[in-house]
PDB file of all heavy atoms in Angstrom:
ATOM      1  N   ILE A   1      16.008  25.315  -3.195  1.00  0.00           N
ATOM      2  CA  ILE A   1      14.891  25.469  -2.251  1.00  0.00           C
ATOM      3  C   ILE A   1      15.371  25.845  -0.874  1.00  0.00           C
ATOM      4  O   ILE A   1      14.794  26.785  -0.199  1.00  0.00           O
ATOM      5  CB  ILE A   1      14.093  24.166  -2.224  1.00  0.00           C
ATOM      6  CG1 ILE A   1      13.405  23.951  -3.565  1.00  0.00           C
ATOM      7  CG2 ILE A   1      12.994  24.261  -1.124  1.00  0.00           C
ATOM      8  CD1 ILE A   1      12.695  22.595  -3.708  1.00  0.00           C
ATOM      9  N   SER A   2      16.428  25.140  -0.407  1.00  0.00           N
ATOM     10  CA  SER A   2      16.924  25.420   0.943  1.00  0.00           C
ATOM     11  C   SER A   2      17.553  26.800   1.094  1.00  0.00           C
ATOM     12  O   SER A   2      17.345  27.511   2.061  1.00  0.00           O
ATOM     13  CB  SER A   2      17.977  24.320   1.343  1.00  0.00           C
ATOM     14  OG  SER A   2      17.368  23.034   1.351  1.00  0.00           O
ATOM     15  N   TYR A   3      18.342  27.223   0.087  1.00  0.00           N
ATOM     16  CA  TYR A   3      18.934  28.548   0.122  1.00  0.00           C
ATOM     17  C   TYR A   3      17.858  29.628   0.020  1.00  0.00           C
ATOM     18  O   TYR A   3      17.989  30.669   0.744  1.00  0.00           O
ATOM     19  CB  TYR A   3      19.968  28.719  -1.010  1.00  0.00           C
ATOM     20  CG  TYR A   3      20.692  30.035  -0.892  1.00  0.00           C
ATOM     21  CD1 TYR A   3      21.830  30.101  -0.020  1.00  0.00           C
ATOM     22  CD2 TYR A   3      20.258  31.160  -1.505  1.00  0.00           C
ATOM     23  CE1 TYR A   3      22.502  31.308   0.128  1.00  0.00           C
ATOM     24  CE2 TYR A   3      20.942  32.397  -1.327  1.00  0.00           C
ATOM     25  CZ  TYR A   3      22.055  32.474  -0.552  1.00  0.00           C
ATOM     26  OH  TYR A   3      22.707  33.623  -0.391  1.00  0.00           O
ATOM     27  N   ALA A   4      16.835  29.398  -0.804  1.00  0.00           N
ATOM     28  CA  ALA A   4      15.729  30.365  -0.903  1.00  0.00           C
ATOM     29  C   ALA A   4      15.093  30.521   0.479  1.00  0.00           C
ATOM     30  O   ALA A   4      14.755  31.642   0.864  1.00  0.00           O
ATOM     31  CB  ALA A   4      14.754  29.895  -1.956  1.00  0.00           C
ATOM     32  N   ALA A   5      14.848  29.424   1.169  1.00  0.00           N
ATOM     33  CA  ALA A   5      14.179  29.475   2.453  1.00  0.00           C
ATOM     34  C   ALA A   5      15.079  30.221   3.507  1.00  0.00           C
ATOM     35  O   ALA A   5      14.622  31.046   4.253  1.00  0.00           O
ATOM     36  CB  ALA A   5      13.917  28.099   2.990  1.00  0.00           C
ATOM     37  N   THR A   6      16.413  29.896   3.543  1.00  0.00           N
ATOM     38  CA  THR A   6      17.254  30.548   4.463  1.00  0.00           C
ATOM     39  C   THR A   6      17.475  31.975   4.124  1.00  0.00           C
ATOM     40  O   THR A   6      17.555  32.861   5.021  1.00  0.00           O
ATOM     41  CB  THR A   6      18.613  29.860   4.549  1.00  0.00           C
ATOM     42  OG1 THR A   6      19.162  29.654   3.230  1.00  0.00           O
ATOM     43  CG2 THR A   6      18.501  28.456   5.140  1.00  0.00           C
ATOM     44  N   ASP A   7      17.496  32.341   2.829  1.00  0.00           N
ATOM     45  CA  ASP A   7      17.699  33.716   2.450  1.00  0.00           C
ATOM     46  C   ASP A   7      16.446  34.545   2.838  1.00  0.00           C
ATOM     47  O   ASP A   7      16.498  35.676   3.238  1.00  0.00           O
ATOM     48  CB  ASP A   7      17.960  33.824   0.941  1.00  0.00           C
ATOM     49  CG  ASP A   7      18.212  35.282   0.462  1.00  0.00           C
ATOM     50  OD1 ASP A   7      19.250  35.842   0.833  1.00  0.00           O
ATOM     51  OD2 ASP A   7      17.374  35.818  -0.200  1.00  0.00           O
ATOM     52  N   PHE A   8      15.294  33.908   2.621  1.00  0.00           N
ATOM     53  CA  PHE A   8      14.027  34.533   3.032  1.00  0.00           C
ATOM     54  C   PHE A   8      13.997  34.883   4.514  1.00  0.00           C
ATOM     55  O   PHE A   8      13.549  35.911   4.945  1.00  0.00           O
ATOM     56  CB  PHE A   8      12.820  33.638   2.618  1.00  0.00           C
ATOM     57  CG  PHE A   8      11.536  34.150   3.106  1.00  0.00           C
ATOM     58  CD1 PHE A   8      10.922  35.227   2.568  1.00  0.00           C
ATOM     59  CD2 PHE A   8      10.930  33.495   4.195  1.00  0.00           C
ATOM     60  CE1 PHE A   8       9.678  35.693   3.050  1.00  0.00           C
ATOM     61  CE2 PHE A   8       9.731  33.956   4.718  1.00  0.00           C
ATOM     62  CZ  PHE A   8       9.101  35.025   4.092  1.00  0.00           C
ATOM     63  N   THR A   9      14.538  33.884   5.304  1.00  0.00           N
ATOM     64  CA  THR A   9      14.568  34.078   6.721  1.00  0.00           C
ATOM     65  C   THR A   9      15.429  35.279   7.125  1.00  0.00           C
ATOM     66  O   THR A   9      15.092  36.051   8.082  1.00  0.00           O
ATOM     67  CB  THR A   9      15.135  32.788   7.428  1.00  0.00           C
ATOM     68  OG1 THR A   9      14.328  31.703   7.028  1.00  0.00           O
ATOM     69  CG2 THR A   9      15.124  32.968   8.925  1.00  0.00           C
ATOM     70  N   SER A  10      16.508  35.497   6.441  1.00  0.00           N
ATOM     71  CA  SER A  10      17.450  36.555   6.761  1.00  0.00           C
ATOM     72  C   SER A  10      17.049  37.906   6.201  1.00  0.00           C
ATOM     73  O   SER A  10      17.232  38.911   6.887  1.00  0.00           O
ATOM     74  CB  SER A  10      18.882  36.148   6.212  1.00  0.00           C
ATOM     75  OG  SER A  10      19.295  34.942   6.785  1.00  0.00           O
ATOM     76  N   HIS A  11      16.445  37.949   4.978  1.00  0.00           N
ATOM     77  CA  HIS A  11      16.251  39.187   4.306  1.00  0.00           C
ATOM     78  C   HIS A  11      14.819  39.451   3.915  1.00  0.00           C
ATOM     79  O   HIS A  11      14.510  40.559   3.413  1.00  0.00           O
ATOM     80  CB  HIS A  11      17.136  39.244   3.074  1.00  0.00           C
ATOM     81  CG  HIS A  11      18.601  39.087   3.309  1.00  0.00           C
ATOM     82  ND1 HIS A  11      19.264  37.965   3.059  1.00  0.00           N
ATOM     83  CD2 HIS A  11      19.503  39.919   3.882  1.00  0.00           C
ATOM     84  CE1 HIS A  11      20.548  37.998   3.375  1.00  0.00           C
ATOM     85  NE2 HIS A  11      20.718  39.257   3.903  1.00  0.00           N
ATOM     86  N   GLY A  12      13.936  38.495   4.030  1.00  0.00           N
ATOM     87  CA  GLY A  12      12.595  38.665   3.541  1.00  0.00           C
ATOM     88  C   GLY A  12      12.497  38.286   2.083  1.00  0.00           C
ATOM     89  O   GLY A  12      13.465  37.929   1.416  1.00  0.00           O
ATOM     90  N   ILE A  13      11.259  38.294   1.563  1.00  0.00           N
ATOM     91  CA  ILE A  13      11.017  37.880   0.177  1.00  0.00           C
ATOM     92  C   ILE A  13      11.625  38.874  -0.786  1.00  0.00           C
ATOM     93  O   ILE A  13      11.547  40.116  -0.613  1.00  0.00           O
ATOM     94  CB  ILE A  13       9.579  37.638  -0.038  1.00  0.00           C
ATOM     95  CG1 ILE A  13       9.339  36.882  -1.365  1.00  0.00           C
ATOM     96  CG2 ILE A  13       8.778  38.967  -0.026  1.00  0.00           C
ATOM     97  CD1 ILE A  13       7.904  36.380  -1.530  1.00  0.00           C
ATOM     98  N   ASP A  14      12.335  38.403  -1.832  1.00  0.00           N
ATOM     99  CA  ASP A  14      12.826  39.254  -2.877  1.00  0.00           C
ATOM    100  C   ASP A  14      12.937  38.432  -4.206  1.00  0.00           C
ATOM    101  O   ASP A  14      12.549  37.222  -4.210  1.00  0.00           O
ATOM    102  CB  ASP A  14      14.199  39.831  -2.501  1.00  0.00           C
ATOM    103  CG  ASP A  14      15.250  38.709  -2.149  1.00  0.00           C
ATOM    104  OD1 ASP A  14      15.172  37.660  -2.751  1.00  0.00           O
ATOM    105  OD2 ASP A  14      16.175  38.990  -1.382  1.00  0.00           O
ATOM    106  N   ARG A  15      13.370  39.065  -5.265  1.00  0.00           N
ATOM    107  CA  ARG A  15      13.318  38.392  -6.555  1.00  0.00           C
ATOM    108  C   ARG A  15      14.257  37.174  -6.580  1.00  0.00           C
ATOM    109  O   ARG A  15      14.026  36.160  -7.231  1.00  0.00           O
ATOM    110  CB  ARG A  15      13.758  39.345  -7.611  1.00  0.00           C
ATOM    111  CG  ARG A  15      12.670  40.374  -7.863  1.00  0.00           C
ATOM    112  CD  ARG A  15      13.063  41.347  -9.044  1.00  0.00           C
ATOM    113  NE  ARG A  15      12.020  42.311  -9.336  1.00  0.00           N
ATOM    114  CZ  ARG A  15      12.087  43.253 -10.258  1.00  0.00           C
ATOM    115  NH1 ARG A  15      13.164  43.305 -11.020  1.00  0.00           N
ATOM    116  NH2 ARG A  15      11.120  44.112 -10.457  1.00  0.00           N
ATOM    117  N   LEU A  16      15.395  37.284  -5.853  1.00  0.00           N
ATOM    118  CA  LEU A  16      16.373  36.188  -5.832  1.00  0.00           C
ATOM    119  C   LEU A  16      15.748  34.880  -5.234  1.00  0.00           C
ATOM    120  O   LEU A  16      15.811  33.856  -5.884  1.00  0.00           O
ATOM    121  CB  LEU A  16      17.606  36.572  -5.048  1.00  0.00           C
ATOM    122  CG  LEU A  16      18.666  35.475  -4.838  1.00  0.00           C
ATOM    123  CD1 LEU A  16      19.175  34.894  -6.136  1.00  0.00           C
ATOM    124  CD2 LEU A  16      19.813  35.950  -3.929  1.00  0.00           C
ATOM    125  N   ASN A  17      15.230  35.007  -3.985  1.00  0.00           N
ATOM    126  CA  ASN A  17      14.695  33.757  -3.394  1.00  0.00           C
ATOM    127  C   ASN A  17      13.424  33.332  -4.085  1.00  0.00           C
ATOM    128  O   ASN A  17      13.137  32.113  -4.054  1.00  0.00           O
ATOM    129  CB  ASN A  17      14.564  33.926  -1.858  1.00  0.00           C
ATOM    130  CG  ASN A  17      13.795  35.118  -1.428  1.00  0.00           C
ATOM    131  OD1 ASN A  17      12.739  35.412  -1.954  1.00  0.00           O
ATOM    132  ND2 ASN A  17      14.323  35.820  -0.403  1.00  0.00           N
ATOM    133  N   GLU A  18      12.665  34.230  -4.657  1.00  0.00           N
ATOM    134  CA  GLU A  18      11.560  33.733  -5.467  1.00  0.00           C
ATOM    135  C   GLU A  18      12.004  32.924  -6.669  1.00  0.00           C
ATOM    136  O   GLU A  18      11.434  31.842  -6.929  1.00  0.00           O
ATOM    137  CB  GLU A  18      10.713  34.978  -5.977  1.00  0.00           C
ATOM    138  CG  GLU A  18       9.804  35.597  -4.937  1.00  0.00           C
ATOM    139  CD  GLU A  18       9.001  36.736  -5.554  1.00  0.00           C
ATOM    140  OE1 GLU A  18       9.467  37.392  -6.529  1.00  0.00           O
ATOM    141  OE2 GLU A  18       7.861  36.969  -5.082  1.00  0.00           O
ATOM    142  N   ALA A  19      13.065  33.430  -7.362  1.00  0.00           N
ATOM    143  CA  ALA A  19      13.582  32.722  -8.529  1.00  0.00           C
ATOM    144  C   ALA A  19      14.150  31.370  -8.152  1.00  0.00           C
ATOM    145  O   ALA A  19      13.956  30.329  -8.831  1.00  0.00           O
ATOM    146  CB  ALA A  19      14.621  33.601  -9.249  1.00  0.00           C
ATOM    147  N   LEU A  20      14.869  31.313  -7.008  1.00  0.00           N
ATOM    148  CA  LEU A  20      15.459  30.091  -6.581  1.00  0.00           C
ATOM    149  C   LEU A  20      14.357  29.041  -6.190  1.00  0.00           C
ATOM    150  O   LEU A  20      14.550  27.881  -6.443  1.00  0.00           O
ATOM    151  CB  LEU A  20      16.375  30.325  -5.390  1.00  0.00           C
ATOM    152  CG  LEU A  20      17.699  31.069  -5.695  1.00  0.00           C
ATOM    153  CD1 LEU A  20      18.391  31.417  -4.404  1.00  0.00           C
ATOM    154  CD2 LEU A  20      18.589  30.146  -6.506  1.00  0.00           C
ATOM    155  N   LEU A  21      13.314  29.521  -5.525  1.00  0.00           N
ATOM    156  CA  LEU A  21      12.229  28.576  -5.181  1.00  0.00           C
ATOM    157  C   LEU A  21      11.564  27.993  -6.389  1.00  0.00           C
ATOM    158  O   LEU A  21      11.320  26.804  -6.442  1.00  0.00           O
ATOM    159  CB  LEU A  21      11.191  29.372  -4.325  1.00  0.00           C
ATOM    160  CG  LEU A  21      10.126  28.520  -3.614  1.00  0.00           C
ATOM    161  CD1 LEU A  21      10.789  27.519  -2.667  1.00  0.00           C
ATOM    162  CD2 LEU A  21       9.177  29.386  -2.884  1.00  0.00           C
ATOM    163  N   ILE A  22      11.317  28.815  -7.391  1.00  0.00           N
ATOM    164  CA  ILE A  22      10.693  28.337  -8.673  1.00  0.00           C
ATOM    165  C   ILE A  22      11.681  27.366  -9.362  1.00  0.00           C
ATOM    166  O   ILE A  22      11.248  26.267  -9.841  1.00  0.00           O
ATOM    167  CB  ILE A  22      10.363  29.512  -9.571  1.00  0.00           C
ATOM    168  CG1 ILE A  22       9.240  30.370  -8.944  1.00  0.00           C
ATOM    169  CG2 ILE A  22       9.932  28.995 -10.924  1.00  0.00           C
ATOM    170  CD1 ILE A  22       8.973  31.624  -9.651  1.00  0.00           C
ATOM    171  N   ALA A  23      12.957  27.693  -9.392  1.00  0.00           N
ATOM    172  CA  ALA A  23      13.989  26.863 -10.042  1.00  0.00           C
ATOM    173  C   ALA A  23      14.024  25.509  -9.319  1.00  0.00           C
ATOM    174  O   ALA A  23      14.156  24.472  -9.940  1.00  0.00           O
ATOM    175  CB  ALA A  23      15.338  27.546 -10.038  1.00  0.00           C
ATOM    176  N   GLY A  24      13.967  25.545  -7.998  1.00  0.00           N
ATOM    177  CA  GLY A  24      13.990  24.302  -7.233  1.00  0.00           C
ATOM    178  C   GLY A  24      12.832  23.414  -7.528  1.00  0.00           C
ATOM    179  O   GLY A  24      12.984  22.177  -7.655  1.00  0.00           O
ATOM    180  N   ALA A  25      11.606  23.980  -7.646  1.00  0.00           N
ATOM    181  CA  ALA A  25      10.451  23.218  -7.940  1.00  0.00           C
ATOM    182  C   ALA A  25      10.600  22.584  -9.351  1.00  0.00           C
ATOM    183  O   ALA A  25      10.207  21.398  -9.496  1.00  0.00           O
ATOM    184  CB  ALA A  25       9.200  24.106  -7.878  1.00  0.00           C
ATOM    185  N   ILE A  26      11.072  23.333 -10.281  1.00  0.00           N
ATOM    186  CA  ILE A  26      11.238  22.790 -11.633  1.00  0.00           C
ATOM    187  C   ILE A  26      12.264  21.635 -11.652  1.00  0.00           C
ATOM    188  O   ILE A  26      12.089  20.627 -12.297  1.00  0.00           O
ATOM    189  CB  ILE A  26      11.749  23.861 -12.657  1.00  0.00           C
ATOM    190  CG1 ILE A  26      10.604  24.950 -12.803  1.00  0.00           C
ATOM    191  CG2 ILE A  26      12.139  23.306 -13.969  1.00  0.00           C
ATOM    192  CD1 ILE A  26      10.982  26.173 -13.576  1.00  0.00           C
ATOM    193  N   LEU A  27      13.378  21.822 -10.887  1.00  0.00           N
ATOM    194  CA  LEU A  27      14.382  20.818 -10.797  1.00  0.00           C
ATOM    195  C   LEU A  27      13.918  19.521 -10.145  1.00  0.00           C
ATOM    196  O   LEU A  27      14.343  18.419 -10.478  1.00  0.00           O
ATOM    197  CB  LEU A  27      15.608  21.296 -10.085  1.00  0.00           C
ATOM    198  CG  LEU A  27      16.463  22.353 -10.859  1.00  0.00           C
ATOM    199  CD1 LEU A  27      17.471  23.044  -9.954  1.00  0.00           C
ATOM    200  CD2 LEU A  27      17.218  21.658 -12.031  1.00  0.00           C
ATOM    201  N   ILE A  28      12.953  19.612  -9.198  1.00  0.00           N
ATOM    202  CA  ILE A  28      12.349  18.463  -8.638  1.00  0.00           C
ATOM    203  C   ILE A  28      11.591  17.630  -9.717  1.00  0.00           C
ATOM    204  O   ILE A  28      11.711  16.401  -9.779  1.00  0.00           O
ATOM    205  CB  ILE A  28      11.387  18.829  -7.493  1.00  0.00           C
ATOM    206  CG1 ILE A  28      12.125  19.318  -6.248  1.00  0.00           C
ATOM    207  CG2 ILE A  28      10.490  17.614  -7.125  1.00  0.00           C
ATOM    208  CD1 ILE A  28      12.886  18.235  -5.516  1.00  0.00           C
ATOM    209  N   ILE A  29      10.879  18.354 -10.619  1.00  0.00           N
ATOM    210  CA  ILE A  29      10.237  17.670 -11.694  1.00  0.00           C
ATOM    211  C   ILE A  29      11.259  17.041 -12.623  1.00  0.00           C
ATOM    212  O   ILE A  29      11.099  15.871 -13.051  1.00  0.00           O
ATOM    213  CB  ILE A  29       9.338  18.637 -12.458  1.00  0.00           C
ATOM    214  CG1 ILE A  29       8.242  19.224 -11.548  1.00  0.00           C
ATOM    215  CG2 ILE A  29       8.710  17.987 -13.724  1.00  0.00           C
ATOM    216  CD1 ILE A  29       7.471  20.351 -12.172  1.00  0.00           C
ATOM    217  N   VAL A  30      12.373  17.705 -12.912  1.00  0.00           N
ATOM    218  CA  VAL A  30      13.405  17.171 -13.753  1.00  0.00           C
ATOM    219  C   VAL A  30      13.994  15.899 -13.090  1.00  0.00           C
ATOM    220  O   VAL A  30      14.247  14.913 -13.725  1.00  0.00           O
ATOM    221  CB  VAL A  30      14.522  18.210 -13.994  1.00  0.00           C
ATOM    222  CG1 VAL A  30      15.732  17.570 -14.701  1.00  0.00           C
ATOM    223  CG2 VAL A  30      13.974  19.395 -14.808  1.00  0.00           C
ATOM    224  N   PHE A  31      14.224  15.974 -11.815  1.00  0.00           N
ATOM    225  CA  PHE A  31      14.740  14.822 -11.065  1.00  0.00           C
ATOM    226  C   PHE A  31      13.841  13.580 -11.209  1.00  0.00           C
ATOM    227  O   PHE A  31      14.277  12.478 -11.432  1.00  0.00           O
ATOM    228  CB  PHE A  31      14.914  15.167  -9.572  1.00  0.00           C
ATOM    229  CG  PHE A  31      15.223  14.004  -8.722  1.00  0.00           C
ATOM    230  CD1 PHE A  31      16.478  13.330  -8.768  1.00  0.00           C
ATOM    231  CD2 PHE A  31      14.294  13.518  -7.827  1.00  0.00           C
ATOM    232  CE1 PHE A  31      16.788  12.309  -7.956  1.00  0.00           C
ATOM    233  CE2 PHE A  31      14.609  12.457  -6.998  1.00  0.00           C
ATOM    234  CZ  PHE A  31      15.830  11.832  -7.077  1.00  0.00           C
ATOM    235  N   VAL A  32      12.545  13.808 -11.059  1.00  0.00           N
ATOM    236  CA  VAL A  32      11.594  12.683 -11.143  1.00  0.00           C
ATOM    237  C   VAL A  32      11.651  12.056 -12.564  1.00  0.00           C
ATOM    238  O   VAL A  32      11.635  10.853 -12.706  1.00  0.00           O
ATOM    239  CB  VAL A  32      10.164  13.158 -10.807  1.00  0.00           C
ATOM    240  CG1 VAL A  32       9.141  12.053 -11.116  1.00  0.00           C
ATOM    241  CG2 VAL A  32      10.062  13.584  -9.367  1.00  0.00           C
ATOM    242  N   LEU A  33      11.669  12.930 -13.557  1.00  0.00           N
ATOM    243  CA  LEU A  33      11.767  12.428 -14.934  1.00  0.00           C
ATOM    244  C   LEU A  33      13.027  11.638 -15.175  1.00  0.00           C
ATOM    245  O   LEU A  33      13.048  10.579 -15.827  1.00  0.00           O
ATOM    246  CB  LEU A  33      11.677  13.589 -15.931  1.00  0.00           C
ATOM    247  CG  LEU A  33      10.363  14.334 -15.927  1.00  0.00           C
ATOM    248  CD1 LEU A  33      10.484  15.558 -16.907  1.00  0.00           C
ATOM    249  CD2 LEU A  33       9.239  13.440 -16.361  1.00  0.00           C
ATOM    250  N   ILE A  34      14.181  12.100 -14.614  1.00  0.00           N
ATOM    251  CA  ILE A  34      15.409  11.366 -14.710  1.00  0.00           C
ATOM    252  C   ILE A  34      15.314  10.000 -14.078  1.00  0.00           C
ATOM    253  O   ILE A  34      15.784   8.947 -14.597  1.00  0.00           O
ATOM    254  CB  ILE A  34      16.611  12.197 -14.134  1.00  0.00           C
ATOM    255  CG1 ILE A  34      16.861  13.430 -14.961  1.00  0.00           C
ATOM    256  CG2 ILE A  34      17.897  11.343 -13.970  1.00  0.00           C
ATOM    257  CD1 ILE A  34      17.884  14.409 -14.375  1.00  0.00           C
ATOM    258  N   GLU A  35      14.779   9.987 -12.867  1.00  0.00           N
ATOM    259  CA  GLU A  35      14.693   8.750 -12.101  1.00  0.00           C
ATOM    260  C   GLU A  35      13.799   7.737 -12.736  1.00  0.00           C
ATOM    261  O   GLU A  35      14.036   6.494 -12.720  1.00  0.00           O
ATOM    262  CB  GLU A  35      14.221   9.027 -10.687  1.00  0.00           C
ATOM    263  CG  GLU A  35      15.145   9.887  -9.838  1.00  0.00           C
ATOM    264  CD  GLU A  35      16.490   9.276  -9.726  1.00  0.00           C
ATOM    265  OE1 GLU A  35      16.738   8.373  -8.869  1.00  0.00           O
ATOM    266  OE2 GLU A  35      17.427   9.738 -10.473  1.00  0.00           O
ATOM    267  N   ARG A  36      12.788   8.135 -13.492  1.00  0.00           N
ATOM    268  CA  ARG A  36      11.826   7.244 -14.135  1.00  0.00           C
ATOM    269  C   ARG A  36      12.468   6.490 -15.279  1.00  0.00           C
ATOM    270  O   ARG A  36      12.118   5.330 -15.578  1.00  0.00           O
ATOM    271  CB  ARG A  36      10.663   8.024 -14.670  1.00  0.00           C
ATOM    272  CG  ARG A  36       9.698   8.459 -13.577  1.00  0.00           C
ATOM    273  CD  ARG A  36       8.561   9.363 -14.153  1.00  0.00           C
ATOM    274  NE  ARG A  36       7.759   8.577 -15.096  1.00  0.00           N
ATOM    275  CZ  ARG A  36       6.658   7.939 -14.783  1.00  0.00           C
ATOM    276  NH1 ARG A  36       6.323   7.930 -13.488  1.00  0.00           N
ATOM    277  NH2 ARG A  36       5.933   7.274 -15.651  1.00  0.00           N
ATOM    278  N   SER A  37      13.559   7.125 -15.873  1.00  0.00           N
ATOM    279  CA  SER A  37      14.177   6.491 -16.998  1.00  0.00           C
ATOM    280  C   SER A  37      15.597   5.926 -16.736  1.00  0.00           C
ATOM    281  O   SER A  37      16.192   5.292 -17.556  1.00  0.00           O
ATOM    282  CB  SER A  37      14.310   7.523 -18.141  1.00  0.00           C
ATOM    283  OG  SER A  37      15.073   8.650 -17.793  1.00  0.00           O
ATOM    284  N   SER A  38      16.072   6.118 -15.481  1.00  0.00           N
ATOM    285  CA  SER A  38      17.430   5.685 -15.180  1.00  0.00           C
ATOM    286  C   SER A  38      17.470   4.266 -14.666  1.00  0.00           C
ATOM    287  O   SER A  38      16.628   3.829 -13.930  1.00  0.00           O
ATOM    288  CB  SER A  38      17.980   6.630 -14.054  1.00  0.00           C
ATOM    289  OG  SER A  38      19.283   6.168 -13.633  1.00  0.00           O
ATOM    290  N   LYS A  39      18.472   3.482 -15.175  1.00  0.00           N
ATOM    291  CA  LYS A  39      18.658   2.116 -14.676  1.00  0.00           C
ATOM    292  C   LYS A  39      19.383   2.099 -13.372  1.00  0.00           C
ATOM    293  O   LYS A  39      19.430   1.042 -12.705  1.00  0.00           O
ATOM    294  CB  LYS A  39      19.472   1.377 -15.753  1.00  0.00           C
ATOM    295  CG  LYS A  39      18.721   1.174 -17.076  1.00  0.00           C
ATOM    296  CD  LYS A  39      19.533   0.350 -18.057  1.00  0.00           C
ATOM    297  CE  LYS A  39      18.812   0.169 -19.395  1.00  0.00           C
ATOM    298  NZ  LYS A  39      19.618  -0.609 -20.362  1.00  0.00           N
ATOM    299  N   GLU A  40      20.103   3.204 -12.999  1.00  0.00           N
ATOM    300  CA  GLU A  40      20.815   3.254 -11.763  1.00  0.00           C
ATOM    301  C   GLU A  40      20.293   4.396 -10.892  1.00  0.00           C
ATOM    302  O   GLU A  40      20.996   5.294 -10.476  1.00  0.00           O
ATOM    303  CB  GLU A  40      22.326   3.479 -12.045  1.00  0.00           C
ATOM    304  CG  GLU A  40      22.927   2.366 -12.804  1.00  0.00           C
ATOM    305  CD  GLU A  40      23.115   1.104 -12.002  1.00  0.00           C
ATOM    306  OE1 GLU A  40      22.882   1.134 -10.804  1.00  0.00           O
ATOM    307  OE2 GLU A  40      23.465   0.066 -12.595  1.00  0.00           O
TER     308      GLU A  40
END
């Protein structure tokens, strides 16, 4: 998410930062699912 934002600032919107933003959002969901089941 952070790299997508900084790349957008430098170069404008393109397929790379769009893909990174979507990937980041999916990974946030994955993180929440991991935390719900993790003992640590």
